[in-house]
């Protein structure tokens, strides 16, 4: 019943498929970061912890500022800005020369993900009827999460075949 409903609600289906593709593309960051820190830059392990913490800090800042941002700008524009910040943060990771700038890039990624996902989740919760919300959410999350292992598997092969910088650019 839930799959049929999802197939009838084309916009939600396409949004789920786009989110699946984004998870496929963003999942390799968990493989790329240790390679960037240890092999590419030869930095200590605490730096990796700093990068991961920067994402969390960016998410917290995004959650705290989202209400003020959405008062000034339409939520759809905020989501576009969030997606752009995530892309800029990921693409900029390999080309920033100092130790502080990668942490800033990861902060941007966390901030962008927060201001992208929160309005999207709110809009989806409002447009899905209560009787179908749990079923559709579980199917959507299955689609989102099913792409992560494939993305991680691709990351190793891409880093080995093309190198770290082209993988980050892709």
N, C-alpha and C. Protein backbone atom coordinates (compact mmCIF):
# COMPACT_ATOMS: atom_id res chain seq x y z
N UNK A 1 0.81 -1.19 0.00
CA UNK A 1 0.00 0.00 0.00
C UNK A 1 0.86 1.26 0.00
N UNK A 2 1.93 1.28 0.82
CA UNK A 2 2.78 2.45 0.89
C UNK A 2 3.55 2.69 -0.39
N UNK A 3 4.02 1.61 -1.04
CA UNK A 3 4.77 1.76 -2.29
C UNK A 3 3.86 2.29 -3.39
N UNK A 4 2.63 1.78 -3.45
CA UNK A 4 1.68 2.30 -4.45
C UNK A 4 1.37 3.76 -4.22
N UNK A 5 1.21 4.14 -2.97
CA UNK A 5 0.93 5.54 -2.65
C UNK A 5 2.11 6.42 -3.04
N UNK A 6 3.31 5.95 -2.74
CA UNK A 6 4.50 6.72 -3.11
C UNK A 6 4.61 6.87 -4.63
N UNK A 7 4.29 5.84 -5.36
CA UNK A 7 4.34 5.91 -6.83
C UNK A 7 3.28 6.86 -7.38
N UNK A 8 2.15 6.98 -6.69
CA UNK A 8 1.11 7.92 -7.14
C UNK A 8 1.46 9.36 -6.82
N UNK A 9 2.19 9.58 -5.74
CA UNK A 9 2.61 10.93 -5.37
C UNK A 9 3.95 11.20 -6.04
N UNK A 10 3.90 11.61 -7.28
CA UNK A 10 5.10 11.74 -8.12
C UNK A 10 6.15 12.68 -7.54
N UNK A 11 5.71 13.81 -6.98
CA UNK A 11 6.66 14.77 -6.45
C UNK A 11 7.46 14.17 -5.30
N UNK A 12 6.78 13.47 -4.41
CA UNK A 12 7.48 12.84 -3.29
C UNK A 12 8.37 11.71 -3.77
N UNK A 13 7.92 10.97 -4.77
CA UNK A 13 8.74 9.91 -5.35
C UNK A 13 10.02 10.49 -5.95
N UNK A 14 9.89 11.56 -6.72
CA UNK A 14 11.07 12.16 -7.33
C UNK A 14 11.98 12.80 -6.29
N UNK A 15 11.39 13.39 -5.28
CA UNK A 15 12.22 13.94 -4.21
C UNK A 15 12.99 12.83 -3.50
N UNK A 16 12.36 11.69 -3.32
CA UNK A 16 13.03 10.55 -2.69
C UNK A 16 14.16 10.03 -3.56
N UNK A 17 13.93 9.99 -4.86
CA UNK A 17 14.98 9.52 -5.77
C UNK A 17 16.14 10.51 -5.84
N UNK A 18 15.84 11.79 -5.80
CA UNK A 18 16.91 12.80 -5.79
C UNK A 18 17.70 12.69 -4.49
N UNK A 19 17.01 12.51 -3.37
CA UNK A 19 17.70 12.34 -2.09
C UNK A 19 18.56 11.08 -2.11
N UNK A 20 18.07 10.05 -2.76
CA UNK A 20 18.85 8.82 -2.89
C UNK A 20 20.13 9.10 -3.69
N UNK A 21 20.02 9.85 -4.77
CA UNK A 21 21.19 10.19 -5.58
C UNK A 21 22.16 11.06 -4.78
N UNK A 22 21.64 11.99 -4.00
CA UNK A 22 22.51 12.83 -3.18
C UNK A 22 23.25 12.00 -2.13
N UNK A 23 22.56 11.05 -1.51
CA UNK A 23 23.23 10.17 -0.55
C UNK A 23 24.30 9.34 -1.24
N UNK A 24 24.04 8.93 -2.46
CA UNK A 24 25.04 8.18 -3.22
C UNK A 24 26.29 9.03 -3.44
N UNK A 25 26.09 10.31 -3.71
CA UNK A 25 27.23 11.20 -3.97
C UNK A 25 27.90 11.70 -2.70
N UNK A 26 27.15 11.83 -1.61
CA UNK A 26 27.72 12.38 -0.38
C UNK A 26 28.29 11.31 0.55
N UNK A 27 27.89 10.06 0.40
CA UNK A 27 28.38 9.00 1.28
C UNK A 27 29.89 8.83 1.22
N UNK A 28 30.52 9.00 0.05
CA UNK A 28 31.98 8.81 0.01
C UNK A 28 32.78 9.78 0.87
N UNK A 29 32.17 10.84 1.37
CA UNK A 29 32.91 11.79 2.19
C UNK A 29 33.46 11.11 3.45
N UNK A 30 32.76 10.06 3.93
CA UNK A 30 33.25 9.33 5.11
C UNK A 30 34.50 8.52 4.79
N UNK A 31 34.69 8.17 3.53
CA UNK A 31 35.90 7.47 3.11
C UNK A 31 36.98 8.48 2.72
N UNK A 32 36.57 9.57 2.12
CA UNK A 32 37.50 10.57 1.60
C UNK A 32 38.22 11.31 2.73
N UNK A 33 37.52 11.65 3.81
CA UNK A 33 38.12 12.44 4.87
C UNK A 33 39.36 11.80 5.49
N UNK A 34 39.31 10.52 5.89
CA UNK A 34 40.54 9.93 6.44
C UNK A 34 41.69 9.90 5.42
N UNK A 35 41.36 9.66 4.15
CA UNK A 35 42.40 9.65 3.12
C UNK A 35 43.00 11.05 2.98
N UNK A 36 42.15 12.06 2.99
CA UNK A 36 42.61 13.44 2.88
C UNK A 36 43.52 13.79 4.06
N UNK A 37 43.11 13.43 5.25
CA UNK A 37 43.87 13.80 6.45
C UNK A 37 45.20 13.05 6.52
N UNK A 38 45.18 11.75 6.36
CA UNK A 38 46.37 10.95 6.59
C UNK A 38 47.28 10.87 5.37
N UNK A 39 46.76 10.48 4.24
CA UNK A 39 47.62 10.23 3.09
C UNK A 39 47.95 11.50 2.31
N UNK A 40 46.96 12.34 2.08
CA UNK A 40 47.18 13.51 1.23
C UNK A 40 47.94 14.60 1.97
N UNK A 41 47.56 14.84 3.22
CA UNK A 41 48.15 15.95 3.96
C UNK A 41 49.12 15.51 5.06
N UNK A 42 49.08 14.23 5.47
CA UNK A 42 49.96 13.74 6.53
C UNK A 42 49.69 14.41 7.88
N UNK A 43 48.43 14.68 8.17
CA UNK A 43 48.06 15.37 9.40
C UNK A 43 47.75 14.38 10.52
N UNK A 44 47.79 14.83 11.77
CA UNK A 44 47.52 13.92 12.90
C UNK A 44 46.04 13.53 12.99
N UNK A 45 45.75 12.45 13.72
CA UNK A 45 44.36 11.98 13.85
C UNK A 45 43.41 13.00 14.48
N UNK A 46 43.90 13.87 15.37
CA UNK A 46 43.01 14.85 15.99
C UNK A 46 42.39 15.78 14.93
N UNK A 47 43.09 15.95 13.82
CA UNK A 47 42.55 16.81 12.77
C UNK A 47 41.30 16.20 12.16
N UNK A 48 41.31 14.87 11.99
CA UNK A 48 40.12 14.19 11.50
C UNK A 48 38.95 14.40 12.46
N UNK A 49 39.21 14.29 13.76
CA UNK A 49 38.17 14.55 14.75
C UNK A 49 37.66 15.98 14.67
N UNK A 50 38.56 16.91 14.39
CA UNK A 50 38.16 18.30 14.23
C UNK A 50 37.25 18.50 13.02
N UNK A 51 37.55 17.79 11.94
CA UNK A 51 36.71 17.90 10.74
C UNK A 51 35.30 17.37 11.01
N UNK A 52 35.23 16.22 11.65
CA UNK A 52 33.92 15.62 11.94
C UNK A 52 33.14 16.51 12.92
N UNK A 53 33.84 17.06 13.91
CA UNK A 53 33.19 17.96 14.87
C UNK A 53 32.70 19.23 14.19
N UNK A 54 33.42 19.68 13.18
CA UNK A 54 33.00 20.90 12.47
C UNK A 54 31.66 20.70 11.76
N UNK A 55 31.43 19.51 11.23
CA UNK A 55 30.13 19.22 10.60
C UNK A 55 29.02 19.33 11.64
N UNK A 56 29.24 18.75 12.80
CA UNK A 56 28.23 18.80 13.87
C UNK A 56 27.99 20.23 14.33
N UNK A 57 29.05 20.99 14.48
CA UNK A 57 28.92 22.39 14.89
C UNK A 57 28.15 23.19 13.84
N UNK A 58 28.44 22.94 12.57
CA UNK A 58 27.70 23.61 11.49
C UNK A 58 26.22 23.26 11.50
N UNK A 59 25.90 22.01 11.80
CA UNK A 59 24.50 21.60 11.89
C UNK A 59 23.78 22.29 13.04
N UNK A 60 24.47 22.42 14.17
CA UNK A 60 23.87 23.10 15.32
C UNK A 60 23.65 24.58 15.01
N UNK A 61 24.64 25.22 14.41
CA UNK A 61 24.50 26.63 14.05
C UNK A 61 23.36 26.82 13.05
N UNK A 62 23.28 25.93 12.07
CA UNK A 62 22.19 26.00 11.09
C UNK A 62 20.83 25.85 11.74
N UNK A 63 20.71 24.92 12.69
CA UNK A 63 19.42 24.72 13.36
C UNK A 63 19.05 25.94 14.20
N UNK A 64 20.04 26.56 14.82
CA UNK A 64 19.75 27.74 15.65
C UNK A 64 19.40 28.97 14.82
N UNK A 65 20.00 29.11 13.65
CA UNK A 65 19.77 30.29 12.82
C UNK A 65 18.66 30.13 11.79
N UNK A 66 18.15 28.93 11.63
CA UNK A 66 17.20 28.66 10.56
C UNK A 66 15.93 29.52 10.65
N UNK A 67 15.41 29.70 11.84
CA UNK A 67 14.19 30.49 11.97
C UNK A 67 14.42 31.93 11.50
N UNK A 68 15.53 32.52 11.89
CA UNK A 68 15.84 33.88 11.46
C UNK A 68 16.05 33.95 9.95
N UNK A 69 16.71 32.96 9.41
CA UNK A 69 16.98 32.94 7.96
C UNK A 69 15.67 32.80 7.19
N UNK A 70 14.79 31.91 7.66
CA UNK A 70 13.52 31.68 6.95
C UNK A 70 12.55 32.85 7.09
N UNK A 71 12.75 33.70 8.08
CA UNK A 71 11.93 34.91 8.17
C UNK A 71 12.30 35.89 7.07
N UNK A 72 13.57 35.92 6.70
CA UNK A 72 14.03 36.86 5.68
C UNK A 72 13.89 36.33 4.27
N UNK A 73 14.09 35.03 4.10
CA UNK A 73 14.08 34.43 2.77
C UNK A 73 13.06 33.30 2.72
N UNK A 74 12.54 33.04 1.53
CA UNK A 74 11.59 31.94 1.34
C UNK A 74 12.30 30.60 1.59
N UNK A 75 11.61 29.64 2.19
CA UNK A 75 12.24 28.35 2.49
C UNK A 75 12.83 27.64 1.27
N UNK A 76 12.21 27.80 0.09
CA UNK A 76 12.78 27.14 -1.09
C UNK A 76 14.13 27.76 -1.46
N UNK A 77 14.28 29.05 -1.27
CA UNK A 77 15.58 29.69 -1.54
C UNK A 77 16.61 29.32 -0.49
N UNK A 78 16.16 29.14 0.73
CA UNK A 78 17.06 28.70 1.80
C UNK A 78 17.57 27.30 1.49
N UNK A 79 16.69 26.42 1.00
CA UNK A 79 17.11 25.07 0.65
C UNK A 79 18.12 25.08 -0.50
N UNK A 80 17.91 25.92 -1.49
CA UNK A 80 18.86 26.02 -2.60
C UNK A 80 20.21 26.51 -2.08
N UNK A 81 20.19 27.52 -1.22
CA UNK A 81 21.43 28.02 -0.64
C UNK A 81 22.13 26.92 0.17
N UNK A 82 21.35 26.13 0.91
CA UNK A 82 21.93 25.03 1.68
C UNK A 82 22.60 24.00 0.78
N UNK A 83 21.94 23.65 -0.31
CA UNK A 83 22.54 22.71 -1.26
C UNK A 83 23.81 23.26 -1.88
N UNK A 84 23.81 24.54 -2.20
CA UNK A 84 25.02 25.16 -2.75
C UNK A 84 26.16 25.17 -1.74
N UNK A 85 25.85 25.45 -0.48
CA UNK A 85 26.89 25.45 0.55
C UNK A 85 27.50 24.06 0.73
N UNK A 86 26.67 23.04 0.67
CA UNK A 86 27.19 21.67 0.77
C UNK A 86 28.13 21.38 -0.41
N UNK A 87 27.72 21.75 -1.62
CA UNK A 87 28.56 21.53 -2.80
C UNK A 87 29.86 22.30 -2.73
N UNK A 88 29.80 23.56 -2.32
CA UNK A 88 31.01 24.38 -2.20
C UNK A 88 31.94 23.79 -1.14
N UNK A 89 31.36 23.36 -0.03
CA UNK A 89 32.18 22.78 1.04
C UNK A 89 32.89 21.51 0.60
N UNK A 90 32.20 20.65 -0.11
CA UNK A 90 32.82 19.39 -0.55
C UNK A 90 33.86 19.65 -1.63
N UNK A 91 33.51 20.49 -2.60
CA UNK A 91 34.48 20.75 -3.67
C UNK A 91 35.70 21.51 -3.15
N UNK A 92 35.51 22.35 -2.15
CA UNK A 92 36.62 23.13 -1.63
C UNK A 92 37.55 22.37 -0.70
N UNK A 93 37.13 21.19 -0.25
CA UNK A 93 37.93 20.42 0.71
C UNK A 93 39.34 20.12 0.20
N UNK A 94 39.49 19.75 -1.02
CA UNK A 94 40.79 19.34 -1.53
C UNK A 94 41.71 20.47 -1.90
N UNK A 95 41.18 21.67 -2.04
CA UNK A 95 42.00 22.76 -2.55
C UNK A 95 42.32 23.84 -1.53
N UNK A 96 41.90 23.65 -0.30
CA UNK A 96 42.21 24.65 0.71
C UNK A 96 43.57 24.36 1.32
N UNK A 97 44.45 25.37 1.40
CA UNK A 97 45.85 25.10 1.74
C UNK A 97 46.16 24.96 3.22
N UNK A 98 45.40 25.52 4.12
CA UNK A 98 45.76 25.51 5.53
C UNK A 98 44.94 24.47 6.29
N UNK A 99 45.20 24.39 7.60
CA UNK A 99 44.46 23.44 8.43
C UNK A 99 43.11 23.99 8.87
N UNK A 100 42.99 25.30 8.97
CA UNK A 100 41.73 25.89 9.45
C UNK A 100 40.66 25.88 8.37
N UNK A 101 41.03 26.06 7.13
CA UNK A 101 40.04 26.14 6.06
C UNK A 101 39.28 24.84 5.81
N UNK A 102 39.92 23.66 5.90
CA UNK A 102 39.10 22.44 5.77
C UNK A 102 38.04 22.33 6.87
N UNK A 103 38.37 22.80 8.06
CA UNK A 103 37.37 22.78 9.13
C UNK A 103 36.24 23.75 8.82
N UNK A 104 36.57 24.89 8.21
CA UNK A 104 35.54 25.84 7.79
C UNK A 104 34.67 25.22 6.69
N UNK A 105 35.28 24.49 5.77
CA UNK A 105 34.52 23.83 4.71
C UNK A 105 33.57 22.79 5.30
N UNK A 106 34.03 22.04 6.29
CA UNK A 106 33.15 21.05 6.92
C UNK A 106 32.04 21.74 7.72
N UNK A 107 32.34 22.89 8.33
CA UNK A 107 31.31 23.66 9.01
C UNK A 107 30.25 24.12 8.01
N UNK A 108 30.70 24.55 6.82
CA UNK A 108 29.75 24.92 5.76
C UNK A 108 28.88 23.75 5.34
N UNK A 109 29.48 22.58 5.25
CA UNK A 109 28.72 21.38 4.87
C UNK A 109 27.64 21.10 5.90
N UNK A 110 28.00 21.12 7.18
CA UNK A 110 27.02 20.87 8.23
C UNK A 110 25.93 21.93 8.26
N UNK A 111 26.31 23.20 8.10
CA UNK A 111 25.34 24.29 8.07
C UNK A 111 24.40 24.13 6.88
N UNK A 112 24.97 23.85 5.71
CA UNK A 112 24.16 23.68 4.50
C UNK A 112 23.20 22.52 4.61
N UNK A 113 23.67 21.40 5.17
CA UNK A 113 22.79 20.24 5.32
C UNK A 113 21.64 20.54 6.28
N UNK A 114 21.94 21.30 7.32
CA UNK A 114 20.90 21.64 8.29
C UNK A 114 19.83 22.54 7.69
N UNK A 115 20.25 23.57 6.97
CA UNK A 115 19.25 24.49 6.42
C UNK A 115 18.58 23.92 5.16
N UNK A 116 19.13 22.87 4.61
CA UNK A 116 18.48 22.19 3.48
C UNK A 116 17.45 21.18 4.00
N UNK A 117 17.87 20.33 4.92
CA UNK A 117 17.02 19.22 5.35
C UNK A 117 15.84 19.63 6.22
N UNK A 118 16.00 20.64 7.05
CA UNK A 118 14.92 21.00 7.97
C UNK A 118 13.68 21.52 7.25
N UNK A 119 13.80 22.51 6.34
CA UNK A 119 12.59 22.93 5.61
C UNK A 119 12.00 21.82 4.75
N UNK A 120 12.87 20.98 4.18
CA UNK A 120 12.38 19.88 3.36
C UNK A 120 11.57 18.89 4.19
N UNK A 121 12.09 18.51 5.34
CA UNK A 121 11.38 17.58 6.21
C UNK A 121 10.06 18.16 6.70
N UNK A 122 10.06 19.45 7.01
CA UNK A 122 8.83 20.11 7.46
C UNK A 122 7.78 20.12 6.35
N UNK A 123 8.20 20.44 5.14
CA UNK A 123 7.26 20.48 4.02
C UNK A 123 6.69 19.09 3.72
N UNK A 124 7.55 18.07 3.78
CA UNK A 124 7.06 16.71 3.55
C UNK A 124 6.08 16.27 4.63
N UNK A 125 6.36 16.62 5.86
CA UNK A 125 5.45 16.24 6.94
C UNK A 125 4.08 16.90 6.78
N UNK A 126 4.07 18.11 6.25
CA UNK A 126 2.80 18.80 6.07
C UNK A 126 1.99 18.30 4.88
N UNK A 127 2.67 17.82 3.84
CA UNK A 127 1.93 17.44 2.64
C UNK A 127 1.52 15.97 2.60
N UNK A 128 2.02 15.16 3.50
CA UNK A 128 1.66 13.74 3.52
C UNK A 128 0.55 13.53 4.55
N UNK A 129 -0.56 12.90 4.17
CA UNK A 129 -1.63 12.64 5.13
C UNK A 129 -1.15 11.78 6.30
N UNK A 130 -1.73 12.00 7.46
CA UNK A 130 -1.32 11.29 8.68
C UNK A 130 -1.36 9.78 8.52
N UNK A 131 -2.36 9.26 7.83
CA UNK A 131 -2.51 7.81 7.70
C UNK A 131 -1.37 7.18 6.91
N UNK A 132 -0.72 7.95 6.05
CA UNK A 132 0.35 7.41 5.21
C UNK A 132 1.76 7.84 5.64
N UNK A 133 1.86 8.75 6.60
CA UNK A 133 3.15 9.35 6.93
C UNK A 133 4.20 8.31 7.35
N UNK A 134 3.84 7.38 8.22
CA UNK A 134 4.80 6.38 8.69
C UNK A 134 5.23 5.45 7.56
N UNK A 135 4.27 5.01 6.76
CA UNK A 135 4.61 4.11 5.65
C UNK A 135 5.51 4.79 4.63
N UNK A 136 5.11 5.99 4.22
CA UNK A 136 5.91 6.69 3.22
C UNK A 136 7.28 7.08 3.75
N UNK A 137 7.34 7.46 5.01
CA UNK A 137 8.63 7.83 5.59
C UNK A 137 9.57 6.63 5.63
N UNK A 138 9.05 5.48 6.00
CA UNK A 138 9.93 4.30 6.05
C UNK A 138 10.41 3.91 4.66
N UNK A 139 9.58 4.03 3.66
CA UNK A 139 10.00 3.72 2.29
C UNK A 139 11.02 4.75 1.81
N UNK A 140 10.76 6.03 2.10
CA UNK A 140 11.71 7.08 1.71
C UNK A 140 13.06 6.86 2.37
N UNK A 141 13.06 6.57 3.68
CA UNK A 141 14.33 6.34 4.37
C UNK A 141 15.04 5.10 3.85
N UNK A 142 14.29 4.08 3.48
CA UNK A 142 14.91 2.91 2.87
C UNK A 142 15.62 3.30 1.58
N UNK A 143 14.95 4.11 0.74
CA UNK A 143 15.58 4.56 -0.50
C UNK A 143 16.82 5.40 -0.22
N UNK A 144 16.72 6.33 0.75
CA UNK A 144 17.86 7.18 1.07
C UNK A 144 19.05 6.35 1.51
N UNK A 145 18.79 5.44 2.44
CA UNK A 145 19.88 4.68 3.05
C UNK A 145 20.42 3.57 2.15
N UNK A 146 19.65 3.11 1.21
CA UNK A 146 20.14 2.04 0.34
C UNK A 146 21.26 2.52 -0.58
N UNK A 147 21.36 3.80 -0.79
CA UNK A 147 22.40 4.32 -1.68
C UNK A 147 23.74 4.50 -0.97
N UNK A 148 23.75 4.56 0.34
CA UNK A 148 24.99 4.84 1.07
C UNK A 148 26.04 3.74 0.89
N UNK A 149 25.72 2.45 1.06
CA UNK A 149 26.77 1.44 0.86
C UNK A 149 27.36 1.46 -0.56
N UNK A 150 26.51 1.69 -1.54
CA UNK A 150 27.00 1.75 -2.92
C UNK A 150 27.93 2.95 -3.11
N UNK A 151 27.58 4.08 -2.52
CA UNK A 151 28.42 5.27 -2.61
C UNK A 151 29.77 5.05 -1.94
N UNK A 152 29.77 4.39 -0.81
CA UNK A 152 31.04 4.11 -0.12
C UNK A 152 31.89 3.13 -0.91
N UNK A 153 31.25 2.14 -1.51
CA UNK A 153 32.00 1.19 -2.33
C UNK A 153 32.62 1.88 -3.54
N UNK A 154 31.87 2.81 -4.12
CA UNK A 154 32.40 3.55 -5.28
C UNK A 154 33.58 4.43 -4.88
N UNK A 155 33.56 4.97 -3.66
CA UNK A 155 34.60 5.90 -3.24
C UNK A 155 35.98 5.26 -3.26
N UNK A 156 36.07 4.05 -2.73
CA UNK A 156 37.37 3.38 -2.71
C UNK A 156 37.93 3.16 -4.11
N UNK A 157 37.08 2.69 -5.00
CA UNK A 157 37.52 2.48 -6.37
C UNK A 157 37.89 3.76 -7.08
N UNK A 158 37.13 4.82 -6.83
CA UNK A 158 37.42 6.10 -7.47
C UNK A 158 38.72 6.70 -6.96
N UNK A 159 38.96 6.60 -5.65
CA UNK A 159 40.20 7.14 -5.10
C UNK A 159 41.39 6.36 -5.65
N UNK A 160 41.26 5.04 -5.72
CA UNK A 160 42.36 4.22 -6.26
C UNK A 160 42.59 4.48 -7.74
N UNK A 161 41.51 4.63 -8.49
CA UNK A 161 41.63 4.79 -9.93
C UNK A 161 41.95 6.19 -10.39
N UNK A 162 41.34 7.19 -9.76
CA UNK A 162 41.48 8.57 -10.25
C UNK A 162 42.25 9.48 -9.32
N UNK A 163 42.39 9.09 -8.05
CA UNK A 163 43.05 9.94 -7.08
C UNK A 163 42.03 10.68 -6.22
N UNK A 164 42.52 11.31 -5.18
CA UNK A 164 41.64 11.96 -4.22
C UNK A 164 41.01 13.24 -4.78
N UNK A 165 41.79 14.09 -5.40
CA UNK A 165 41.26 15.38 -5.86
C UNK A 165 40.15 15.24 -6.92
N UNK A 166 40.32 14.40 -7.94
CA UNK A 166 39.20 14.22 -8.88
C UNK A 166 37.96 13.61 -8.22
N UNK A 167 38.17 12.72 -7.24
CA UNK A 167 37.03 12.13 -6.54
C UNK A 167 36.27 13.21 -5.76
N UNK A 168 37.01 14.11 -5.11
CA UNK A 168 36.36 15.22 -4.41
C UNK A 168 35.61 16.11 -5.38
N UNK A 169 36.17 16.35 -6.54
CA UNK A 169 35.51 17.22 -7.52
C UNK A 169 34.21 16.59 -8.02
N UNK A 170 34.24 15.27 -8.23
CA UNK A 170 33.05 14.58 -8.70
C UNK A 170 32.00 14.60 -7.63
